[in-house]
């Protein structure tokens, strides 16, 4: 059966049902193709395997402490040190090298010292972007 014969058969069925308008037929055809295409695209996207997401919290903090906050953590009380490799403010969120210009603005009463980057990050601090060498 050729394409013209199929078309005549479809056209004959449309005549029986009273659907003679060519524009209506093409409108319905386009909508059906769109729905089928969307369904096929959606079903192919569901087959992809998602990896597991692991959320790690800083030592001493539990998951409930982060509900309702967006990456705004306040550092926990730490033992007072008078020297170390890295320096932060009790009121801030960044840590610095003592040679950084920004570290000079931290008052002596608010200075917190850390011996490693890991220690500072576990306390809730992030490296300062304007401090070279961190």
C-alpha atoms as a PDB file:
ATOM      1  CA  UNK A   1       0.000   0.000   0.000  1.00  0.00           C
ATOM      2  CA  UNK A   2       1.416   3.388  -0.990  1.00  0.00           C
ATOM      3  CA  UNK A   3       1.393   6.628   0.987  1.00  0.00           C
ATOM      4  CA  UNK A   4      -1.387   8.075  -1.163  1.00  0.00           C
ATOM      5  CA  UNK A   5      -3.505   5.001  -0.532  1.00  0.00           C
ATOM      6  CA  UNK A   6      -2.943   5.364   3.236  1.00  0.00           C
ATOM      7  CA  UNK A   7      -3.824   9.034   2.995  1.00  0.00           C
ATOM      8  CA  UNK A   8      -7.056   8.245   1.127  1.00  0.00           C
ATOM      9  CA  UNK A   9      -7.963   5.650   3.767  1.00  0.00           C
ATOM     10  CA  UNK A  10      -7.355   8.182   6.581  1.00  0.00           C
ATOM     11  CA  UNK A  11      -9.278  10.828   4.670  1.00  0.00           C
ATOM     12  CA  UNK A  12     -12.150   8.360   4.182  1.00  0.00           C
ATOM     13  CA  UNK A  13     -12.242   7.666   7.931  1.00  0.00           C
ATOM     14  CA  UNK A  14     -12.294  11.395   8.577  1.00  0.00           C
ATOM     15  CA  UNK A  15     -15.227  11.772   6.187  1.00  0.00           C
ATOM     16  CA  UNK A  16     -17.171   9.098   8.061  1.00  0.00           C
ATOM     17  CA  UNK A  17     -16.548  10.800  11.404  1.00  0.00           C
ATOM     18  CA  UNK A  18     -17.311  14.266  10.038  1.00  0.00           C
ATOM     19  CA  UNK A  19     -13.753  15.568  10.388  1.00  0.00           C
ATOM     20  CA  UNK A  20     -13.091  17.119   7.010  1.00  0.00           C
ATOM     21  CA  UNK A  21     -11.010  20.110   8.036  1.00  0.00           C
ATOM     22  CA  UNK A  22      -7.378  19.579   7.035  1.00  0.00           C
ATOM     23  CA  UNK A  23      -6.108  22.087   9.619  1.00  0.00           C
ATOM     24  CA  UNK A  24      -7.858  20.249  12.428  1.00  0.00           C
ATOM     25  CA  UNK A  25      -6.273  16.973  11.361  1.00  0.00           C
ATOM     26  CA  UNK A  26      -2.757  18.446  11.265  1.00  0.00           C
ATOM     27  CA  UNK A  27      -3.266  20.211  14.590  1.00  0.00           C
ATOM     28  CA  UNK A  28      -4.270  16.949  16.255  1.00  0.00           C
ATOM     29  CA  UNK A  29      -1.417  15.131  14.506  1.00  0.00           C
ATOM     30  CA  UNK A  30       1.191  17.638  15.750  1.00  0.00           C
ATOM     31  CA  UNK A  31      -0.155  17.483  19.321  1.00  0.00           C
ATOM     32  CA  UNK A  32      -0.035  13.675  19.323  1.00  0.00           C
ATOM     33  CA  UNK A  33       3.522  13.635  17.971  1.00  0.00           C
ATOM     34  CA  UNK A  34       4.561  16.154  20.647  1.00  0.00           C
ATOM     35  CA  UNK A  35       3.008  14.058  23.435  1.00  0.00           C
ATOM     36  CA  UNK A  36       4.635  10.859  22.160  1.00  0.00           C
ATOM     37  CA  UNK A  37       8.023  12.597  21.788  1.00  0.00           C
ATOM     38  CA  UNK A  38       7.813  14.011  25.298  1.00  0.00           C
ATOM     39  CA  UNK A  39       6.912  10.587  26.706  1.00  0.00           C
ATOM     40  CA  UNK A  40       9.810   8.900  24.925  1.00  0.00           C
ATOM     41  CA  UNK A  41      12.256  11.582  26.046  1.00  0.00           C
ATOM     42  CA  UNK A  42      11.015  11.392  29.612  1.00  0.00           C
ATOM     43  CA  UNK A  43      11.234   7.603  29.743  1.00  0.00           C
ATOM     44  CA  UNK A  44      14.787   7.637  28.363  1.00  0.00           C
ATOM     45  CA  UNK A  45      15.820  10.104  31.069  1.00  0.00           C
ATOM     46  CA  UNK A  46      14.478   7.854  33.810  1.00  0.00           C
ATOM     47  CA  UNK A  47      16.875   5.069  32.818  1.00  0.00           C
ATOM     48  CA  UNK A  48      19.993   7.007  33.837  1.00  0.00           C
ATOM     49  CA  UNK A  49      21.564   5.862  37.072  1.00  0.00           C
ATOM     50  CA  UNK A  50      22.097   8.536  39.682  1.00  0.00           C
ATOM     51  CA  UNK A  51      25.121   8.342  41.992  1.00  0.00           C
ATOM     52  CA  UNK A  52      24.785   8.371  45.745  1.00  0.00           C
ATOM     53  CA  UNK A  53      25.173  11.741  47.446  1.00  0.00           C
ATOM     54  CA  UNK A  54      27.045  11.779  50.728  1.00  0.00           C
ATOM     55  CA  UNK A  55      26.691  14.736  53.079  1.00  0.00           C
ATOM     56  CA  UNK A  56      29.472  15.125  55.585  1.00  0.00           C
ATOM     57  CA  UNK A  57      29.188  17.450  58.551  1.00  0.00           C
ATOM     58  CA  UNK A  58      32.070  19.031  60.437  1.00  0.00           C
ATOM     59  CA  UNK A  59      33.221  17.132  63.496  1.00  0.00           C
ATOM     60  CA  UNK A  60      30.997  17.863  66.498  1.00  0.00           C
ATOM     61  CA  UNK A  61      28.005  19.086  64.483  1.00  0.00           C
ATOM     62  CA  UNK A  62      24.977  16.989  63.642  1.00  0.00           C
ATOM     63  CA  UNK A  63      22.605  17.182  60.673  1.00  0.00           C
ATOM     64  CA  UNK A  64      19.839  18.954  62.612  1.00  0.00           C
ATOM     65  CA  UNK A  65      22.048  22.001  63.151  1.00  0.00           C
ATOM     66  CA  UNK A  66      21.892  22.798  59.427  1.00  0.00           C
ATOM     67  CA  UNK A  67      18.115  22.718  58.892  1.00  0.00           C
ATOM     68  CA  UNK A  68      16.932  26.122  57.739  1.00  0.00           C
ATOM     69  CA  UNK A  69      20.406  27.518  57.116  1.00  0.00           C
ATOM     70  CA  UNK A  70      22.241  27.874  53.842  1.00  0.00           C
ATOM     71  CA  UNK A  71      25.960  27.309  54.368  1.00  0.00           C
ATOM     72  CA  UNK A  72      26.033  29.695  57.297  1.00  0.00           C
ATOM     73  CA  UNK A  73      27.663  27.881  60.154  1.00  0.00           C
ATOM     74  CA  UNK A  74      29.004  29.479  63.245  1.00  0.00           C
ATOM     75  CA  UNK A  75      32.204  28.067  64.694  1.00  0.00           C
ATOM     76  CA  UNK A  76      32.028  26.073  67.924  1.00  0.00           C
ATOM     77  CA  UNK A  77      33.876  27.174  71.029  1.00  0.00           C
ATOM     78  CA  UNK A  78      37.492  26.113  70.675  1.00  0.00           C
ATOM     79  CA  UNK A  79      40.360  25.902  73.115  1.00  0.00           C
ATOM     80  CA  UNK A  80      42.293  29.159  73.141  1.00  0.00           C
ATOM     81  CA  UNK A  81      45.705  28.969  71.439  1.00  0.00           C
ATOM     82  CA  UNK A  82      48.173  31.802  71.225  1.00  0.00           C
ATOM     83  CA  UNK A  83      49.968  30.649  68.081  1.00  0.00           C
ATOM     84  CA  UNK A  84      49.579  28.421  65.063  1.00  0.00           C
ATOM     85  CA  UNK A  85      49.872  28.315  61.283  1.00  0.00           C
ATOM     86  CA  UNK A  86      46.403  29.681  60.442  1.00  0.00           C
ATOM     87  CA  UNK A  87      44.377  32.427  62.032  1.00  0.00           C
ATOM     88  CA  UNK A  88      40.648  33.274  62.138  1.00  0.00           C
ATOM     89  CA  UNK A  89      38.246  35.567  63.925  1.00  0.00           C
ATOM     90  CA  UNK A  90      35.708  34.241  66.427  1.00  0.00           C
ATOM     91  CA  UNK A  91      33.068  36.341  64.630  1.00  0.00           C
ATOM     92  CA  UNK A  92      34.109  35.505  61.052  1.00  0.00           C
ATOM     93  CA  UNK A  93      33.845  32.608  58.638  1.00  0.00           C
ATOM     94  CA  UNK A  94      37.285  32.760  56.917  1.00  0.00           C
ATOM     95  CA  UNK A  95      40.742  31.691  58.006  1.00  0.00           C
ATOM     96  CA  UNK A  96      44.020  33.392  57.013  1.00  0.00           C
ATOM     97  CA  UNK A  97      47.763  33.081  57.153  1.00  0.00           C
ATOM     98  CA  UNK A  98      49.278  35.485  59.700  1.00  0.00           C
ATOM     99  CA  UNK A  99      51.052  37.246  56.793  1.00  0.00           C
ATOM    100  CA  UNK A 100      47.777  38.202  55.073  1.00  0.00           C
ATOM    101  CA  UNK A 101      46.710  41.843  55.234  1.00  0.00           C
ATOM    102  CA  UNK A 102      43.198  40.910  56.377  1.00  0.00           C
ATOM    103  CA  UNK A 103      44.510  39.071  59.434  1.00  0.00           C
ATOM    104  CA  UNK A 104      45.851  42.383  60.817  1.00  0.00           C
ATOM    105  CA  UNK A 105      42.271  43.639  61.187  1.00  0.00           C
ATOM    106  CA  UNK A 106      41.337  40.883  63.669  1.00  0.00           C
ATOM    107  CA  UNK A 107      41.542  42.108  67.248  1.00  0.00           C
ATOM    108  CA  UNK A 108      43.702  40.111  69.648  1.00  0.00           C
ATOM    109  CA  UNK A 109      40.657  39.169  71.752  1.00  0.00           C
ATOM    110  CA  UNK A 110      38.919  37.583  68.711  1.00  0.00           C
ATOM    111  CA  UNK A 111      41.888  35.679  67.249  1.00  0.00           C
ATOM    112  CA  UNK A 112      41.663  31.899  67.000  1.00  0.00           C
ATOM    113  CA  UNK A 113      44.705  29.868  65.913  1.00  0.00           C
ATOM    114  CA  UNK A 114      44.806  26.550  64.059  1.00  0.00           C
ATOM    115  CA  UNK A 115      47.669  24.170  63.336  1.00  0.00           C
ATOM    116  CA  UNK A 116      46.237  22.878  60.028  1.00  0.00           C
ATOM    117  CA  UNK A 117      43.748  23.676  57.290  1.00  0.00           C
ATOM    118  CA  UNK A 118      41.744  20.618  58.264  1.00  0.00           C
ATOM    119  CA  UNK A 119      41.442  21.840  61.842  1.00  0.00           C
ATOM    120  CA  UNK A 120      40.177  25.250  60.662  1.00  0.00           C
ATOM    121  CA  UNK A 121      37.708  23.725  58.204  1.00  0.00           C
ATOM    122  CA  UNK A 122      36.390  21.271  60.798  1.00  0.00           C
ATOM    123  CA  UNK A 123      35.686  24.286  63.009  1.00  0.00           C
ATOM    124  CA  UNK A 124      33.488  25.735  60.241  1.00  0.00           C
ATOM    125  CA  UNK A 125      35.905  28.159  58.587  1.00  0.00           C
ATOM    126  CA  UNK A 126      36.698  28.440  54.872  1.00  0.00           C
ATOM    127  CA  UNK A 127      39.922  29.773  53.291  1.00  0.00           C
ATOM    128  CA  UNK A 128      40.036  33.491  52.555  1.00  0.00           C
ATOM    129  CA  UNK A 129      39.992  34.203  48.823  1.00  0.00           C
ATOM    130  CA  UNK A 130      42.225  37.276  49.121  1.00  0.00           C
ATOM    131  CA  UNK A 131      44.970  35.490  51.077  1.00  0.00           C
ATOM    132  CA  UNK A 132      47.649  34.025  48.796  1.00  0.00           C
ATOM    133  CA  UNK A 133      49.221  30.739  49.813  1.00  0.00           C
ATOM    134  CA  UNK A 134      46.241  29.077  51.459  1.00  0.00           C
END
